[in-house]
Protein backbone atom coordinates (compact mmCIF):
# COMPACT_ATOMS: atom_id res chain seq x y z
CA MET A 1 121.96 77.22 128.82
CA ASN A 2 119.91 78.44 131.79
CA SER A 3 116.13 78.51 131.90
CA THR A 4 115.85 82.28 131.40
CA ASN A 5 118.09 82.24 128.34
CA THR A 6 116.19 79.29 126.87
CA ARG A 7 112.87 81.06 127.34
CA THR A 8 114.21 84.22 125.69
CA GLN A 9 115.63 82.25 122.77
CA ILE A 10 112.31 80.54 122.24
CA LEU A 11 110.50 83.88 122.22
CA ASP A 12 113.05 85.51 119.93
CA THR A 13 112.90 82.62 117.47
CA ALA A 14 109.10 82.45 117.49
CA GLN A 15 108.88 86.19 116.89
CA GLU A 16 111.30 86.01 113.97
CA LEU A 17 109.34 83.17 112.39
CA ILE A 18 105.94 84.82 112.83
CA GLN A 19 107.15 88.19 111.51
CA ARG A 20 108.43 86.45 108.38
CA LEU A 21 106.00 83.57 107.86
CA GLY A 22 102.90 84.10 109.99
CA VAL A 23 101.38 82.45 113.05
CA ASN A 24 100.06 79.27 111.45
CA ALA A 25 103.27 78.66 109.51
CA MET A 26 105.28 78.64 112.76
CA SER A 27 105.49 75.38 114.70
CA TYR A 28 107.25 74.11 117.79
CA GLN A 29 109.27 71.89 115.46
CA ASP A 30 110.58 75.00 113.67
CA ILE A 31 111.60 76.52 117.00
CA SER A 32 113.17 73.25 118.15
CA VAL A 33 115.40 73.10 115.07
CA ALA A 34 116.34 76.79 115.18
CA VAL A 35 117.19 76.88 118.89
CA GLY A 36 118.63 73.38 119.08
CA ILE A 37 116.40 72.06 121.87
CA ARG A 38 113.78 69.33 122.16
CA LYS A 39 110.12 70.20 121.68
CA ALA A 40 109.54 69.01 125.24
CA SER A 41 111.73 71.87 126.44
CA ILE A 42 109.54 74.37 124.59
CA HIS A 43 106.41 72.84 126.14
CA HIS A 44 108.04 73.19 129.56
CA HIS A 45 108.15 76.97 129.12
CA PHE A 46 105.01 77.31 126.99
CA PRO A 47 102.61 74.35 127.36
CA THR A 48 100.51 75.45 124.37
CA LYS A 49 101.00 77.61 121.30
CA ASP A 50 98.47 80.07 122.74
CA ASP A 51 100.65 80.42 125.85
CA LEU A 52 103.64 81.18 123.63
CA LEU A 53 101.68 83.72 121.58
CA ALA A 54 100.34 85.45 124.69
CA ALA A 55 103.84 85.86 126.16
CA LEU A 56 105.18 87.02 122.80
CA LEU A 57 102.43 89.59 122.26
CA ASP A 58 102.79 90.95 125.80
CA ARG A 59 106.55 91.34 125.39
CA TYR A 60 106.25 93.05 122.01
CA ASN A 61 103.44 95.31 123.24
CA ASP A 62 105.46 96.53 126.23
CA TYR A 63 108.58 97.12 124.13
CA PHE A 64 106.85 98.88 121.24
CA LEU A 65 104.61 101.15 123.32
CA ARG A 66 107.56 102.20 125.48
CA LEU A 67 109.31 103.34 122.30
CA VAL A 68 106.21 105.24 121.15
CA ASP A 69 105.74 106.89 124.55
CA SER A 70 109.37 107.99 124.54
CA ILE A 71 108.84 109.61 121.12
CA ILE A 72 105.71 111.42 122.33
CA ALA A 73 107.59 112.75 125.36
CA MET A 74 110.41 114.23 123.25
CA PRO A 75 110.61 118.04 123.02
CA ILE A 76 110.40 117.99 119.22
CA PRO A 77 107.71 119.15 116.72
CA ALA A 78 104.76 116.86 116.07
CA ASP A 79 105.79 116.16 112.47
CA GLU A 80 109.14 114.82 113.69
CA LYS A 81 107.33 112.69 116.26
CA LEU A 82 105.17 111.23 113.50
CA ARG A 83 108.21 110.57 111.32
CA ARG A 84 109.93 108.75 114.19
CA TYR A 85 106.80 106.72 114.81
CA CYS A 86 106.71 105.70 111.15
CA ALA A 87 110.42 104.88 111.36
CA LEU A 88 109.67 102.13 113.90
CA PHE A 89 107.75 100.22 111.22
CA GLU A 90 110.39 100.97 108.59
CA ALA A 91 113.11 99.60 110.88
CA THR A 92 111.22 96.32 111.19
CA LEU A 93 110.94 95.98 107.41
CA ASN A 94 114.59 97.00 106.97
CA SER A 95 115.90 94.25 109.24
CA GLY A 96 117.10 90.96 107.83
CA ASN A 97 116.06 90.36 104.23
CA GLN A 98 113.37 93.05 104.17
CA ASP A 99 110.75 90.36 104.67
CA LYS A 100 109.61 91.07 108.22
CA ALA A 101 106.38 92.80 109.24
CA CYS A 102 105.12 94.09 112.58
CA LEU A 103 104.39 91.13 114.86
CA TYR A 104 100.87 92.38 115.58
CA GLY A 105 100.26 92.97 111.89
CA MET A 106 101.12 89.36 111.07
CA VAL A 107 99.09 88.00 113.97
CA GLY A 108 96.17 90.28 113.11
CA ALA A 109 96.15 88.96 109.54
CA GLU A 110 95.23 85.54 110.98
CA LEU A 111 92.80 86.84 113.57
CA ALA A 112 90.04 84.45 112.51
CA THR A 113 92.18 81.50 113.62
CA LEU A 114 92.88 82.91 117.10
CA LYS A 115 90.98 82.62 120.36
CA ASN A 116 90.33 85.07 123.16
CA PRO A 117 92.21 86.55 124.94
CA LEU A 118 94.69 86.65 122.04
CA ILE A 119 92.14 88.51 119.91
CA GLU A 120 91.68 91.02 122.73
CA ARG A 121 95.45 91.58 122.90
CA VAL A 122 95.59 92.39 119.19
CA ALA A 123 92.62 94.76 119.41
CA ALA A 124 94.15 96.51 122.44
CA PHE A 125 97.48 97.01 120.64
CA TYR A 126 95.75 98.57 117.65
CA ARG A 127 93.65 100.78 119.93
CA ASP A 128 96.64 101.89 122.03
CA ASN A 129 98.60 102.85 118.92
CA GLU A 130 95.71 104.84 117.49
CA GLU A 131 95.27 106.69 120.80
CA ARG A 132 98.92 107.67 120.75
CA LEU A 133 98.65 108.78 117.15
CA VAL A 134 95.66 110.93 118.12
CA ALA A 135 97.87 112.62 120.74
CA ILE A 136 100.54 113.37 118.11
CA LEU A 137 97.98 114.62 115.59
CA ASP A 138 96.21 116.80 118.16
CA GLU A 139 99.51 118.35 119.14
CA GLY A 140 100.37 118.99 115.49
CA ARG A 141 97.08 120.71 114.83
CA LYS A 142 97.34 122.88 117.92
CA THR A 143 100.86 124.00 117.03
CA GLY A 144 100.02 124.56 113.35
CA VAL A 145 102.36 121.85 112.09
CA PHE A 146 99.55 119.72 110.65
CA GLY A 147 96.84 121.04 108.39
CA PHE A 148 94.94 117.92 107.30
CA ALA A 149 91.19 118.05 106.97
CA GLY A 150 88.75 115.76 108.69
CA ASP A 151 88.52 113.84 111.93
CA VAL A 152 91.67 113.27 113.99
CA LYS A 153 90.70 109.77 115.11
CA ALA A 154 89.92 108.74 111.53
CA MET A 155 93.32 110.06 110.44
CA ALA A 156 95.00 108.09 113.25
CA THR A 157 93.26 104.93 112.04
CA LEU A 158 94.31 105.68 108.47
CA ILE A 159 97.95 106.16 109.45
CA PHE A 160 98.13 103.00 111.53
CA SER A 161 96.35 100.96 108.87
CA LEU A 162 98.67 102.25 106.17
CA LEU A 163 101.81 101.48 108.17
CA GLU A 164 100.68 97.97 109.11
CA GLY A 165 99.23 97.06 105.72
CA GLY A 166 101.88 98.85 103.72
CA ILE A 167 104.61 96.55 105.02
CA LEU A 168 102.71 93.49 103.84
CA ILE A 169 102.35 94.97 100.37
CA VAL A 170 105.90 96.24 99.82
CA ARG A 171 107.38 92.93 100.99
CA ALA A 172 106.08 91.56 97.69
CA SER A 173 107.48 94.40 95.61
CA GLY A 174 109.50 97.53 96.23
CA GLY A 175 110.84 96.85 99.72
CA VAL A 176 112.15 99.60 101.96
CA GLU A 177 112.52 102.15 99.16
CA GLN A 178 108.86 101.84 98.26
CA TYR A 179 107.84 101.94 101.92
CA GLN A 180 109.80 105.15 102.43
CA ALA A 181 107.97 106.70 99.47
CA VAL A 182 104.63 105.68 101.01
CA ILE A 183 105.59 107.24 104.35
CA GLU A 184 106.66 110.45 102.65
CA GLN A 185 103.35 110.63 100.81
CA LEU A 186 101.59 110.08 104.12
CA MET A 187 103.51 112.95 105.70
CA GLN A 188 102.50 115.22 102.84
CA LEU A 189 98.87 114.24 103.39
CA VAL A 190 99.02 115.07 107.10
CA ILE A 191 100.90 118.34 106.62
CA GLY A 192 99.31 119.06 103.21
CA VAL A 193 96.97 122.02 103.71
CA LYS A 194 99.56 124.00 105.59
CA LYS A 195 102.15 123.48 102.83
CA SER A 196 99.69 124.33 100.09
CA ALA A 197 98.74 127.55 101.88
CA SER A 198 102.39 128.54 102.14
CA ARG A 199 102.64 128.36 98.33
CA GLY A 200 99.63 130.60 97.93
CA GLU A 201 97.46 127.77 96.59
CA CYS A 202 93.79 127.29 97.39
């Protein structure tokens, strides 16, 4: 196994463990057993757990935001963009045994145990997602697809919070089916006023 493949396997395994169990429940011993290498080999690539977390968060951030940016760039209505954004979180939950959450959601849940600059990475990921949601929501309002009341930025924060927190809740009960129902209710909230008006309701 070459060095690059070993590093990737370590990252993949650490991500899987954190998304299922959390940061503090994941140890180098767990990774060693799962990958089949000595702990010294893990320390060679990532001298400390903070080094591992930093590399993991950077990799996930780049991957996830590229997906979001590709959705925003698509020539499709804003409501479809929002649905596809929500589907990224659903896909995470739907993988494996429906027990995985967003990496940043799991890390953020243990924020008090982290140090800078890991805390800054988490805050930046949340902020970058909310900014992209604002872009989708602004587009939807301008094109008449969305009719929600209130502040766009507050709605972006609500959506992101619901998607991140909702996974943690439905893992305990309801799973993907419940999560899909939550997303659909969210879509009705964002589109809501426009749909009500079309039925002649006040």
